N, C-alpha and C. Protein backbone atom coordinates (compact mmCIF):
# COMPACT_ATOMS: atom_id res chain seq x y z
N MET A 1 124.94 231.92 -70.70
CA MET A 1 125.49 231.02 -69.67
C MET A 1 124.37 230.24 -69.00
N ARG A 2 124.73 229.07 -68.49
CA ARG A 2 123.72 228.23 -67.85
C ARG A 2 123.34 228.81 -66.49
N ASP A 3 122.07 228.72 -66.17
CA ASP A 3 121.55 229.20 -64.89
C ASP A 3 122.01 228.28 -63.78
N THR A 4 122.81 228.79 -62.84
CA THR A 4 123.30 227.98 -61.73
C THR A 4 122.49 228.17 -60.46
N SER A 5 121.33 228.84 -60.60
CA SER A 5 120.50 229.08 -59.43
C SER A 5 119.47 228.00 -59.21
N ALA A 6 119.56 226.86 -59.95
CA ALA A 6 118.60 225.77 -59.81
C ALA A 6 118.66 225.22 -58.40
N PRO A 7 117.54 224.68 -57.88
CA PRO A 7 117.52 224.14 -56.52
C PRO A 7 118.56 223.05 -56.35
N ASP A 8 119.17 223.00 -55.15
CA ASP A 8 120.17 222.00 -54.86
C ASP A 8 119.57 220.62 -54.79
N ARG A 9 118.32 220.49 -54.35
CA ARG A 9 117.69 219.20 -54.13
C ARG A 9 118.59 218.32 -53.27
N GLY A 10 119.13 218.94 -52.19
CA GLY A 10 119.92 218.18 -51.25
C GLY A 10 121.39 218.12 -51.58
N VAL A 11 121.83 218.75 -52.63
CA VAL A 11 123.23 218.72 -53.02
C VAL A 11 123.79 220.13 -52.97
N THR A 12 124.93 220.33 -52.35
CA THR A 12 125.49 221.67 -52.24
C THR A 12 126.10 222.10 -53.55
N SER A 13 126.19 223.40 -53.75
CA SER A 13 126.72 223.92 -55.01
C SER A 13 128.21 223.71 -55.14
N ALA A 14 128.86 223.26 -54.08
CA ALA A 14 130.31 223.06 -54.14
C ALA A 14 130.70 221.76 -54.82
N VAL A 15 129.73 220.88 -55.08
CA VAL A 15 130.03 219.59 -55.68
C VAL A 15 130.59 219.76 -57.07
N VAL A 16 131.69 219.11 -57.35
CA VAL A 16 132.26 219.11 -58.69
C VAL A 16 132.51 217.67 -59.09
N GLY A 17 131.92 217.23 -60.20
CA GLY A 17 132.05 215.85 -60.63
C GLY A 17 133.36 215.60 -61.35
N PRO A 18 133.66 214.32 -61.66
CA PRO A 18 134.87 213.98 -62.41
C PRO A 18 134.81 214.53 -63.82
N ARG A 19 135.98 214.71 -64.42
CA ARG A 19 136.01 215.25 -65.78
C ARG A 19 135.46 214.22 -66.76
N CYS A 20 134.83 214.70 -67.79
CA CYS A 20 134.15 213.84 -68.75
C CYS A 20 135.08 213.20 -69.75
N ASP A 21 136.30 213.72 -69.90
CA ASP A 21 137.14 213.26 -70.99
C ASP A 21 138.05 212.10 -70.63
N VAL A 22 137.79 211.40 -69.52
CA VAL A 22 138.68 210.32 -69.11
C VAL A 22 138.31 209.00 -69.72
N LEU A 23 137.12 208.88 -70.31
CA LEU A 23 136.67 207.60 -70.85
C LEU A 23 136.15 207.76 -72.26
N GLY A 24 136.11 206.67 -72.98
CA GLY A 24 135.45 206.65 -74.28
C GLY A 24 133.96 206.64 -74.09
N ALA A 25 133.22 206.59 -75.17
CA ALA A 25 131.78 206.72 -75.09
C ALA A 25 131.08 205.46 -74.62
N ARG A 26 131.76 204.33 -74.59
CA ARG A 26 131.10 203.06 -74.33
C ARG A 26 130.68 202.91 -72.87
N VAL A 27 131.54 202.42 -72.04
CA VAL A 27 131.35 202.31 -70.60
C VAL A 27 130.03 201.70 -70.23
N GLY A 28 129.68 200.59 -70.83
CA GLY A 28 128.55 199.81 -70.38
C GLY A 28 127.19 200.41 -70.64
N ILE A 29 127.14 201.54 -71.29
CA ILE A 29 125.88 202.20 -71.59
C ILE A 29 125.78 202.27 -73.10
N ASP A 30 124.56 202.17 -73.61
CA ASP A 30 124.37 202.26 -75.06
C ASP A 30 125.12 203.47 -75.60
N SER A 31 125.83 203.27 -76.71
CA SER A 31 126.70 204.31 -77.23
C SER A 31 125.94 205.61 -77.45
N VAL A 32 126.61 206.69 -77.16
CA VAL A 32 126.00 208.00 -77.29
C VAL A 32 126.66 208.73 -78.44
N GLY A 33 125.95 209.68 -79.03
CA GLY A 33 126.50 210.39 -80.18
C GLY A 33 126.02 211.81 -80.22
N THR A 34 125.59 212.23 -81.42
CA THR A 34 125.24 213.63 -81.61
C THR A 34 124.05 214.05 -80.76
N SER A 35 123.13 213.15 -80.47
CA SER A 35 121.97 213.54 -79.67
C SER A 35 122.39 213.96 -78.27
N ASP A 36 123.35 213.26 -77.67
CA ASP A 36 123.86 213.67 -76.37
C ASP A 36 124.64 214.98 -76.49
N VAL A 37 125.42 215.11 -77.53
CA VAL A 37 126.17 216.34 -77.75
C VAL A 37 125.23 217.53 -77.82
N GLU A 38 124.15 217.38 -78.57
CA GLU A 38 123.21 218.48 -78.73
C GLU A 38 122.50 218.80 -77.43
N ALA A 39 122.10 217.75 -76.69
CA ALA A 39 121.41 217.97 -75.42
C ALA A 39 122.32 218.69 -74.43
N VAL A 40 123.56 218.27 -74.34
CA VAL A 40 124.51 218.93 -73.43
C VAL A 40 124.71 220.38 -73.84
N ARG A 41 124.86 220.61 -75.14
CA ARG A 41 125.04 221.98 -75.63
C ARG A 41 123.87 222.86 -75.26
N ARG A 42 122.66 222.32 -75.40
CA ARG A 42 121.46 223.10 -75.07
C ARG A 42 121.36 223.40 -73.58
N VAL A 43 121.68 222.41 -72.75
CA VAL A 43 121.63 222.64 -71.30
C VAL A 43 122.63 223.73 -70.91
N LEU A 44 123.84 223.64 -71.43
CA LEU A 44 124.85 224.65 -71.12
C LEU A 44 124.47 226.02 -71.65
N GLY A 45 123.62 226.02 -72.68
CA GLY A 45 123.14 227.29 -73.23
C GLY A 45 121.95 227.87 -72.49
N GLY A 46 121.48 227.17 -71.45
CA GLY A 46 120.40 227.69 -70.63
C GLY A 46 119.07 226.97 -70.79
N ASP A 47 119.01 225.96 -71.66
CA ASP A 47 117.77 225.20 -71.86
C ASP A 47 117.72 224.05 -70.86
N THR A 48 117.17 224.32 -69.69
CA THR A 48 117.15 223.29 -68.64
C THR A 48 116.26 222.11 -69.01
N ASP A 49 115.27 222.33 -69.88
CA ASP A 49 114.40 221.22 -70.28
C ASP A 49 115.17 220.14 -71.03
N ALA A 50 116.26 220.51 -71.68
CA ALA A 50 117.05 219.53 -72.42
C ALA A 50 117.67 218.49 -71.50
N TYR A 51 117.85 218.86 -70.22
CA TYR A 51 118.44 217.90 -69.30
C TYR A 51 117.49 216.74 -69.03
N ALA A 52 116.19 216.99 -69.13
CA ALA A 52 115.21 215.93 -68.95
C ALA A 52 115.39 214.84 -70.00
N THR A 53 115.83 215.22 -71.19
CA THR A 53 116.10 214.24 -72.24
C THR A 53 117.22 213.30 -71.84
N LEU A 54 118.26 213.84 -71.25
CA LEU A 54 119.39 213.03 -70.80
C LEU A 54 118.98 212.13 -69.64
N VAL A 55 118.20 212.67 -68.72
CA VAL A 55 117.74 211.87 -67.59
C VAL A 55 116.92 210.68 -68.07
N ALA A 56 115.98 210.94 -68.98
CA ALA A 56 115.13 209.86 -69.50
C ALA A 56 115.95 208.81 -70.23
N ARG A 57 116.99 209.24 -70.94
CA ARG A 57 117.80 208.33 -71.73
C ARG A 57 118.59 207.35 -70.87
N TYR A 58 119.08 207.81 -69.71
CA TYR A 58 119.99 207.00 -68.91
C TYR A 58 119.39 206.44 -67.63
N ARG A 59 118.21 206.89 -67.27
CA ARG A 59 117.68 206.55 -65.96
C ARG A 59 117.52 205.04 -65.73
N ASP A 60 116.91 204.32 -66.65
CA ASP A 60 116.62 202.90 -66.42
C ASP A 60 117.89 202.08 -66.24
N ARG A 61 118.86 202.30 -67.12
CA ARG A 61 120.10 201.53 -67.03
C ARG A 61 120.84 201.83 -65.74
N LEU A 62 120.94 203.09 -65.38
CA LEU A 62 121.64 203.46 -64.16
C LEU A 62 120.88 203.00 -62.92
N ALA A 63 119.56 203.04 -62.98
CA ALA A 63 118.75 202.59 -61.86
C ALA A 63 118.97 201.11 -61.58
N ARG A 64 119.07 200.33 -62.64
CA ARG A 64 119.28 198.88 -62.47
C ARG A 64 120.61 198.60 -61.75
N TYR A 65 121.66 199.31 -62.17
CA TYR A 65 122.95 199.14 -61.51
C TYR A 65 122.87 199.54 -60.04
N ALA A 66 122.24 200.68 -59.75
CA ALA A 66 122.15 201.17 -58.38
C ALA A 66 121.38 200.21 -57.49
N VAL A 67 120.30 199.64 -58.02
CA VAL A 67 119.52 198.68 -57.23
C VAL A 67 120.35 197.45 -56.90
N HIS A 68 121.08 196.94 -57.89
CA HIS A 68 121.93 195.77 -57.64
C HIS A 68 123.02 196.08 -56.62
N MET A 69 123.58 197.27 -56.69
CA MET A 69 124.66 197.62 -55.77
C MET A 69 124.16 197.85 -54.35
N LEU A 70 123.01 198.51 -54.22
CA LEU A 70 122.57 198.97 -52.91
C LEU A 70 121.47 198.11 -52.30
N GLY A 71 120.76 197.34 -53.13
CA GLY A 71 119.87 196.32 -52.60
C GLY A 71 118.44 196.74 -52.32
N ASN A 72 118.13 198.01 -52.39
CA ASN A 72 116.75 198.41 -52.19
C ASN A 72 116.47 199.70 -52.95
N ARG A 73 115.21 199.92 -53.24
CA ARG A 73 114.82 201.04 -54.10
C ARG A 73 115.11 202.39 -53.46
N GLU A 74 114.92 202.50 -52.16
CA GLU A 74 115.10 203.79 -51.51
C GLU A 74 116.54 204.30 -51.64
N ASP A 75 117.50 203.45 -51.29
CA ASP A 75 118.90 203.86 -51.40
C ASP A 75 119.32 204.05 -52.85
N ALA A 76 118.83 203.18 -53.74
CA ALA A 76 119.17 203.30 -55.15
C ALA A 76 118.65 204.62 -55.72
N GLU A 77 117.43 204.98 -55.36
CA GLU A 77 116.85 206.23 -55.85
C GLU A 77 117.63 207.43 -55.31
N GLU A 78 118.04 207.35 -54.06
CA GLU A 78 118.84 208.43 -53.48
C GLU A 78 120.14 208.64 -54.25
N ALA A 79 120.84 207.54 -54.50
CA ALA A 79 122.11 207.63 -55.22
C ALA A 79 121.90 208.12 -56.65
N LEU A 80 120.86 207.63 -57.30
CA LEU A 80 120.59 208.01 -58.68
C LEU A 80 120.25 209.49 -58.80
N GLN A 81 119.35 209.97 -57.94
CA GLN A 81 118.98 211.38 -57.98
C GLN A 81 120.17 212.27 -57.67
N ASP A 82 120.97 211.85 -56.70
CA ASP A 82 122.16 212.62 -56.35
C ASP A 82 123.11 212.70 -57.54
N ALA A 83 123.28 211.58 -58.24
CA ALA A 83 124.17 211.56 -59.41
C ALA A 83 123.67 212.51 -60.49
N PHE A 84 122.37 212.50 -60.77
CA PHE A 84 121.83 213.37 -61.80
C PHE A 84 121.98 214.85 -61.41
N VAL A 85 121.74 215.17 -60.14
CA VAL A 85 121.86 216.56 -59.70
C VAL A 85 123.31 217.02 -59.78
N ARG A 86 124.22 216.17 -59.32
CA ARG A 86 125.63 216.53 -59.36
C ARG A 86 126.11 216.70 -60.79
N ALA A 87 125.65 215.83 -61.69
CA ALA A 87 126.03 215.95 -63.09
C ALA A 87 125.51 217.26 -63.67
N TYR A 88 124.29 217.63 -63.34
CA TYR A 88 123.73 218.87 -63.86
C TYR A 88 124.53 220.08 -63.38
N ARG A 89 124.85 220.08 -62.11
CA ARG A 89 125.52 221.25 -61.53
C ARG A 89 126.96 221.39 -62.00
N SER A 90 127.57 220.31 -62.48
CA SER A 90 128.96 220.38 -62.93
C SER A 90 129.08 220.05 -64.42
N LEU A 91 128.00 220.25 -65.16
CA LEU A 91 127.98 219.85 -66.56
C LEU A 91 129.02 220.59 -67.40
N GLU A 92 129.38 221.79 -66.96
CA GLU A 92 130.39 222.53 -67.73
C GLU A 92 131.74 221.82 -67.74
N ARG A 93 131.93 220.85 -66.84
CA ARG A 93 133.18 220.09 -66.82
C ARG A 93 133.16 218.93 -67.81
N CYS A 94 132.03 218.72 -68.45
CA CYS A 94 131.95 217.66 -69.46
C CYS A 94 132.48 218.21 -70.78
N ASP A 95 133.76 217.95 -71.02
CA ASP A 95 134.42 218.55 -72.18
C ASP A 95 133.92 218.00 -73.50
N ASP A 96 133.37 216.79 -73.50
CA ASP A 96 132.90 216.16 -74.74
C ASP A 96 131.52 215.57 -74.47
N GLY A 97 130.49 216.19 -75.04
CA GLY A 97 129.13 215.72 -74.81
C GLY A 97 128.89 214.30 -75.27
N ALA A 98 129.67 213.83 -76.23
CA ALA A 98 129.51 212.46 -76.71
C ALA A 98 129.90 211.44 -75.65
N ARG A 99 130.62 211.89 -74.62
CA ARG A 99 131.03 211.01 -73.54
C ARG A 99 130.22 211.26 -72.26
N PHE A 100 129.11 211.93 -72.40
CA PHE A 100 128.29 212.24 -71.24
C PHE A 100 127.89 210.98 -70.48
N GLY A 101 127.49 209.91 -71.19
CA GLY A 101 127.05 208.69 -70.53
C GLY A 101 128.13 208.08 -69.67
N ALA A 102 129.36 208.03 -70.17
CA ALA A 102 130.48 207.49 -69.39
C ALA A 102 130.76 208.34 -68.16
N TRP A 103 130.73 209.64 -68.35
CA TRP A 103 130.98 210.57 -67.26
C TRP A 103 129.91 210.43 -66.17
N LEU A 104 128.66 210.38 -66.58
CA LEU A 104 127.55 210.23 -65.64
C LEU A 104 127.65 208.90 -64.88
N TYR A 105 128.02 207.85 -65.60
CA TYR A 105 128.15 206.54 -64.97
C TYR A 105 129.20 206.58 -63.86
N GLY A 106 130.32 207.26 -64.10
CA GLY A 106 131.35 207.38 -63.08
C GLY A 106 130.84 208.10 -61.84
N ILE A 107 130.02 209.12 -62.03
CA ILE A 107 129.44 209.82 -60.89
C ILE A 107 128.55 208.87 -60.08
N LEU A 108 127.74 208.06 -60.77
CA LEU A 108 126.85 207.14 -60.07
C LEU A 108 127.64 206.10 -59.28
N VAL A 109 128.71 205.58 -59.84
CA VAL A 109 129.53 204.60 -59.11
C VAL A 109 129.97 205.19 -57.78
N ASN A 110 130.43 206.42 -57.79
CA ASN A 110 130.87 207.07 -56.56
C ASN A 110 129.71 207.32 -55.60
N ARG A 111 128.55 207.69 -56.13
CA ARG A 111 127.41 207.96 -55.25
C ARG A 111 126.89 206.66 -54.62
N CYS A 112 126.97 205.56 -55.34
CA CYS A 112 126.57 204.27 -54.76
C CYS A 112 127.49 203.91 -53.61
N ARG A 113 128.77 204.17 -53.77
CA ARG A 113 129.71 203.90 -52.68
C ARG A 113 129.36 204.72 -51.45
N THR A 114 129.12 206.01 -51.66
CA THR A 114 128.83 206.89 -50.54
C THR A 114 127.52 206.50 -49.85
N THR A 115 126.49 206.25 -50.65
CA THR A 115 125.19 205.87 -50.09
C THR A 115 125.28 204.55 -49.36
N GLY A 116 126.00 203.59 -49.95
CA GLY A 116 126.16 202.29 -49.30
C GLY A 116 126.89 202.39 -47.99
N ALA A 117 127.94 203.22 -47.95
CA ALA A 117 128.69 203.40 -46.71
C ALA A 117 127.84 204.06 -45.64
N ARG A 118 127.02 205.02 -46.04
CA ARG A 118 126.14 205.69 -45.08
C ARG A 118 125.10 204.72 -44.53
N ALA A 119 124.58 203.85 -45.41
CA ALA A 119 123.61 202.86 -44.96
C ALA A 119 124.25 201.88 -43.98
N ALA A 120 125.50 201.51 -44.26
CA ALA A 120 126.20 200.58 -43.36
C ALA A 120 126.40 201.20 -41.99
N LYS A 121 126.69 202.49 -41.96
CA LYS A 121 126.88 203.17 -40.68
C LYS A 121 125.59 203.22 -39.88
N ARG A 122 124.48 203.21 -40.58
CA ARG A 122 123.19 203.20 -39.88
C ARG A 122 122.83 201.81 -39.38
N GLY A 123 123.71 200.85 -39.66
CA GLY A 123 123.47 199.50 -39.17
C GLY A 123 122.60 198.67 -40.08
N ARG A 124 122.42 199.13 -41.32
CA ARG A 124 121.59 198.37 -42.24
C ARG A 124 122.42 197.29 -42.91
N VAL A 125 121.78 196.23 -43.31
CA VAL A 125 122.45 195.16 -44.04
C VAL A 125 121.91 195.12 -45.45
N PHE A 126 122.70 194.59 -46.37
CA PHE A 126 122.27 194.46 -47.76
C PHE A 126 121.25 193.34 -47.84
N VAL A 127 120.05 193.64 -48.29
CA VAL A 127 119.00 192.64 -48.41
C VAL A 127 118.45 192.65 -49.82
N ARG A 128 117.90 191.56 -50.20
CA ARG A 128 117.30 191.46 -51.53
C ARG A 128 115.92 192.09 -51.50
N ASP A 129 115.70 193.08 -52.31
CA ASP A 129 114.42 193.77 -52.40
C ASP A 129 113.79 193.38 -53.73
N GLU A 130 112.96 192.36 -53.71
CA GLU A 130 112.41 191.82 -54.96
C GLU A 130 111.56 192.85 -55.69
N ALA A 131 110.79 193.64 -54.93
CA ALA A 131 109.94 194.64 -55.58
C ALA A 131 110.78 195.66 -56.33
N ALA A 132 111.90 196.08 -55.72
CA ALA A 132 112.76 197.05 -56.37
C ALA A 132 113.41 196.46 -57.61
N LEU A 133 113.90 195.25 -57.50
CA LEU A 133 114.56 194.62 -58.64
C LEU A 133 113.59 194.42 -59.79
N ASN A 134 112.38 193.99 -59.49
CA ASN A 134 111.40 193.76 -60.53
C ASN A 134 110.88 195.06 -61.12
N GLY A 135 110.99 196.15 -60.34
CA GLY A 135 110.44 197.42 -60.79
C GLY A 135 111.32 198.17 -61.76
N VAL A 136 112.58 197.75 -61.94
CA VAL A 136 113.47 198.42 -62.88
C VAL A 136 113.16 197.97 -64.29
N ALA A 137 112.95 198.93 -65.16
CA ALA A 137 112.48 198.60 -66.52
C ALA A 137 113.59 198.01 -67.37
N HIS A 138 113.18 197.25 -68.39
CA HIS A 138 114.06 196.75 -69.43
C HIS A 138 115.25 195.97 -68.90
N PRO A 139 115.04 194.83 -68.25
CA PRO A 139 116.17 194.04 -67.76
C PRO A 139 117.04 193.56 -68.90
N SER A 140 118.34 193.43 -68.62
CA SER A 140 119.28 192.96 -69.63
C SER A 140 119.18 191.45 -69.77
N ALA A 141 119.84 190.92 -70.81
CA ALA A 141 119.82 189.48 -71.03
C ALA A 141 120.41 188.73 -69.85
N ALA A 142 121.45 189.33 -69.24
CA ALA A 142 122.10 188.66 -68.10
C ALA A 142 121.13 188.49 -66.93
N GLU A 143 120.18 189.44 -66.82
CA GLU A 143 119.23 189.40 -65.71
C GLU A 143 118.06 188.45 -65.98
N GLN A 144 117.98 187.92 -67.18
CA GLN A 144 116.87 187.05 -67.54
C GLN A 144 117.28 185.58 -67.56
N THR A 145 118.49 185.26 -67.13
CA THR A 145 118.94 183.89 -67.14
C THR A 145 118.23 183.07 -66.09
N GLU A 146 118.29 181.74 -66.28
CA GLU A 146 117.62 180.83 -65.35
C GLU A 146 118.21 180.97 -63.95
N GLY A 147 117.35 180.98 -62.94
CA GLY A 147 117.79 181.09 -61.56
C GLY A 147 118.21 182.48 -61.16
N GLU A 148 117.68 183.52 -61.84
CA GLU A 148 118.12 184.88 -61.57
C GLU A 148 117.84 185.31 -60.14
N ASP A 149 116.79 184.80 -59.54
CA ASP A 149 116.50 185.17 -58.16
C ASP A 149 117.61 184.69 -57.22
N VAL A 150 118.08 183.47 -57.43
CA VAL A 150 119.14 182.93 -56.60
C VAL A 150 120.43 183.69 -56.82
N VAL A 151 120.70 184.07 -58.06
CA VAL A 151 121.92 184.83 -58.36
C VAL A 151 121.88 186.18 -57.66
N ARG A 152 120.75 186.84 -57.67
CA ARG A 152 120.62 188.14 -57.00
C ARG A 152 120.84 187.98 -55.50
N TRP A 153 120.28 186.93 -54.95
CA TRP A 153 120.48 186.66 -53.53
C TRP A 153 121.95 186.42 -53.23
N ALA A 154 122.63 185.70 -54.10
CA ALA A 154 124.05 185.42 -53.91
C ALA A 154 124.87 186.71 -54.04
N LEU A 155 124.54 187.55 -55.01
CA LEU A 155 125.24 188.82 -55.16
C LEU A 155 125.13 189.67 -53.90
N ALA A 156 123.99 189.61 -53.26
CA ALA A 156 123.78 190.40 -52.05
C ALA A 156 124.71 190.00 -50.92
N ARG A 157 125.26 188.81 -51.00
CA ARG A 157 126.13 188.31 -49.94
C ARG A 157 127.60 188.65 -50.17
N LEU A 158 127.93 189.22 -51.31
CA LEU A 158 129.30 189.64 -51.57
C LEU A 158 129.60 190.96 -50.87
N THR A 159 130.89 191.20 -50.61
CA THR A 159 131.27 192.50 -50.09
C THR A 159 131.04 193.55 -51.18
N PRO A 160 130.84 194.81 -50.80
CA PRO A 160 130.56 195.84 -51.81
C PRO A 160 131.61 195.93 -52.91
N GLU A 161 132.90 195.81 -52.57
CA GLU A 161 133.92 195.97 -53.62
C GLU A 161 133.90 194.79 -54.58
N TYR A 162 133.60 193.58 -54.09
CA TYR A 162 133.50 192.43 -54.98
C TYR A 162 132.24 192.53 -55.83
N ARG A 163 131.15 192.94 -55.22
CA ARG A 163 129.89 193.07 -55.96
C ARG A 163 130.03 194.13 -57.05
N GLU A 164 130.65 195.26 -56.71
CA GLU A 164 130.86 196.32 -57.69
C GLU A 164 131.67 195.82 -58.88
N ALA A 165 132.79 195.15 -58.60
CA ALA A 165 133.65 194.66 -59.67
C ALA A 165 132.91 193.64 -60.54
N PHE A 166 132.18 192.73 -59.91
CA PHE A 166 131.45 191.71 -60.67
C PHE A 166 130.40 192.34 -61.57
N LEU A 167 129.64 193.30 -61.04
CA LEU A 167 128.59 193.93 -61.83
C LEU A 167 129.16 194.72 -63.00
N LEU A 168 130.23 195.46 -62.74
CA LEU A 168 130.83 196.25 -63.82
C LEU A 168 131.38 195.35 -64.93
N LYS A 169 131.93 194.21 -64.55
CA LYS A 169 132.53 193.32 -65.54
C LYS A 169 131.49 192.47 -66.24
N HIS A 170 130.60 191.84 -65.50
CA HIS A 170 129.74 190.81 -66.08
C HIS A 170 128.30 191.25 -66.34
N VAL A 171 127.88 192.37 -65.78
CA VAL A 171 126.55 192.91 -66.09
C VAL A 171 126.68 194.11 -67.03
N GLU A 172 127.59 195.03 -66.69
CA GLU A 172 127.78 196.20 -67.55
C GLU A 172 128.77 195.93 -68.68
N ASP A 173 129.50 194.81 -68.61
CA ASP A 173 130.37 194.35 -69.70
C ASP A 173 131.48 195.34 -70.03
N LEU A 174 132.13 195.85 -69.00
CA LEU A 174 133.22 196.78 -69.20
C LEU A 174 134.55 196.06 -69.34
N GLU A 175 135.50 196.71 -70.00
CA GLU A 175 136.88 196.26 -70.00
C GLU A 175 137.52 196.67 -68.67
N TYR A 176 138.59 195.97 -68.29
CA TYR A 176 139.22 196.28 -67.01
C TYR A 176 139.78 197.71 -66.98
N GLU A 177 140.28 198.18 -68.11
CA GLU A 177 140.80 199.54 -68.16
C GLU A 177 139.68 200.56 -67.89
N GLU A 178 138.50 200.30 -68.42
CA GLU A 178 137.36 201.18 -68.18
C GLU A 178 136.95 201.13 -66.71
N MET A 179 136.94 199.92 -66.15
CA MET A 179 136.60 199.76 -64.74
C MET A 179 137.58 200.51 -63.85
N ALA A 180 138.86 200.46 -64.20
CA ALA A 180 139.88 201.14 -63.42
C ALA A 180 139.66 202.65 -63.42
N GLN A 181 139.30 203.19 -64.58
CA GLN A 181 139.07 204.63 -64.66
C GLN A 181 137.81 205.05 -63.91
N LEU A 182 136.83 204.19 -63.86
CA LEU A 182 135.60 204.50 -63.12
C LEU A 182 135.79 204.39 -61.62
N THR A 183 136.52 203.36 -61.17
CA THR A 183 136.58 203.04 -59.75
C THR A 183 137.81 203.58 -59.05
N GLY A 184 138.87 203.87 -59.80
CA GLY A 184 140.10 204.31 -59.18
C GLY A 184 140.99 203.17 -58.73
N ALA A 185 140.55 201.94 -58.86
CA ALA A 185 141.34 200.77 -58.49
C ALA A 185 142.21 200.35 -59.67
N GLY A 186 143.33 199.67 -59.37
CA GLY A 186 144.20 199.20 -60.43
C GLY A 186 143.61 198.01 -61.17
N VAL A 187 144.09 197.78 -62.38
CA VAL A 187 143.59 196.67 -63.19
C VAL A 187 143.83 195.34 -62.49
N SER A 188 145.02 195.16 -61.93
CA SER A 188 145.33 193.90 -61.24
C SER A 188 144.39 193.67 -60.07
N ALA A 189 144.15 194.72 -59.30
CA ALA A 189 143.24 194.60 -58.15
C ALA A 189 141.83 194.25 -58.61
N LEU A 190 141.40 194.86 -59.69
CA LEU A 190 140.05 194.59 -60.19
C LEU A 190 139.93 193.17 -60.72
N LYS A 191 140.96 192.68 -61.39
CA LYS A 191 140.93 191.30 -61.86
C LYS A 191 140.83 190.34 -60.68
N MET A 192 141.56 190.64 -59.60
CA MET A 192 141.50 189.79 -58.41
C MET A 192 140.11 189.85 -57.78
N ARG A 193 139.51 191.05 -57.72
CA ARG A 193 138.17 191.18 -57.15
C ARG A 193 137.14 190.39 -57.95
N VAL A 194 137.23 190.48 -59.27
CA VAL A 194 136.30 189.74 -60.11
C VAL A 194 136.50 188.24 -59.92
N LYS A 195 137.75 187.80 -59.86
CA LYS A 195 138.06 186.39 -59.67
C LYS A 195 137.49 185.89 -58.34
N ARG A 196 137.72 186.65 -57.29
CA ARG A 196 137.24 186.23 -55.98
C ARG A 196 135.72 186.31 -55.89
N ALA A 197 135.14 187.29 -56.58
CA ALA A 197 133.67 187.38 -56.61
C ALA A 197 133.09 186.15 -57.28
N ARG A 198 133.68 185.73 -58.39
CA ARG A 198 133.22 184.52 -59.07
C ARG A 198 133.33 183.31 -58.15
N GLU A 199 134.47 183.18 -57.50
CA GLU A 199 134.69 182.03 -56.61
C GLU A 199 133.68 182.02 -55.47
N GLN A 200 133.45 183.18 -54.88
CA GLN A 200 132.50 183.26 -53.77
C GLN A 200 131.08 182.99 -54.24
N LEU A 201 130.73 183.52 -55.41
CA LEU A 201 129.39 183.26 -55.95
C LEU A 201 129.18 181.77 -56.22
N GLN A 202 130.19 181.13 -56.77
CA GLN A 202 130.09 179.70 -57.03
C GLN A 202 129.89 178.92 -55.74
N ALA A 203 130.65 179.31 -54.71
CA ALA A 203 130.52 178.63 -53.42
C ALA A 203 129.14 178.85 -52.81
N ILE A 204 128.65 180.09 -52.90
CA ILE A 204 127.33 180.42 -52.35
C ILE A 204 126.24 179.65 -53.09
N LEU A 205 126.35 179.60 -54.41
CA LEU A 205 125.33 178.89 -55.21
C LEU A 205 125.37 177.39 -54.97
N ARG A 206 126.58 176.84 -54.81
CA ARG A 206 126.67 175.42 -54.49
C ARG A 206 126.02 175.11 -53.14
N GLU A 207 126.26 176.00 -52.19
CA GLU A 207 125.65 175.83 -50.87
C GLU A 207 124.14 175.92 -50.96
N ALA A 208 123.66 176.84 -51.78
CA ALA A 208 122.21 177.01 -51.93
C ALA A 208 121.58 175.75 -52.53
N GLU A 209 122.29 175.10 -53.45
CA GLU A 209 121.75 173.89 -54.08
C GLU A 209 121.59 172.74 -53.09
N ARG A 210 122.41 172.78 -52.02
CA ARG A 210 122.36 171.71 -51.04
C ARG A 210 121.27 171.92 -50.00
N VAL A 211 120.71 173.12 -49.97
CA VAL A 211 119.69 173.43 -48.98
C VAL A 211 118.36 172.79 -49.36
């Protein structure tokens, strides 16, 4: 059996993550297969070092999403570490190791929401942290388009639910059904959020061009 006496690292042992079998293997992350299955099997068998393989595999992609959602490295790192710890502590709920990436991604979406809400309560505002954004490895093609700095600034001005929907759809390239399973929102609501996010981004960018 897996050793459950590992340090909490700020997370209580009562945390239970979402079930792993609700999504297919895709979910905006490079497809996973037997290597994830084997790593999960080894971790559940007591090989805690195998979890480091999973962390290394998913860290950069998840970090990029967290930075875009939360706007600075400190909050993004908090959400990311929390997601990894929660996933480790509830790994026995991952019924299919081939879907580990999708399951982990869903945990991170929820942790970004929680971290963002806590930051808002502290009176913080979403700001563009250029050092954090530039520090995330392996940017996607979408992040390398012309005027990316202005786009990031515009994204920062969206409400969290619009920003989340836009990133999941147009950066992580998810289908609406996948987004619904990750976020808990209905497909119609998500389509409206993406539509309004696009409209608001267009308005913000047009305004920026006039400055």
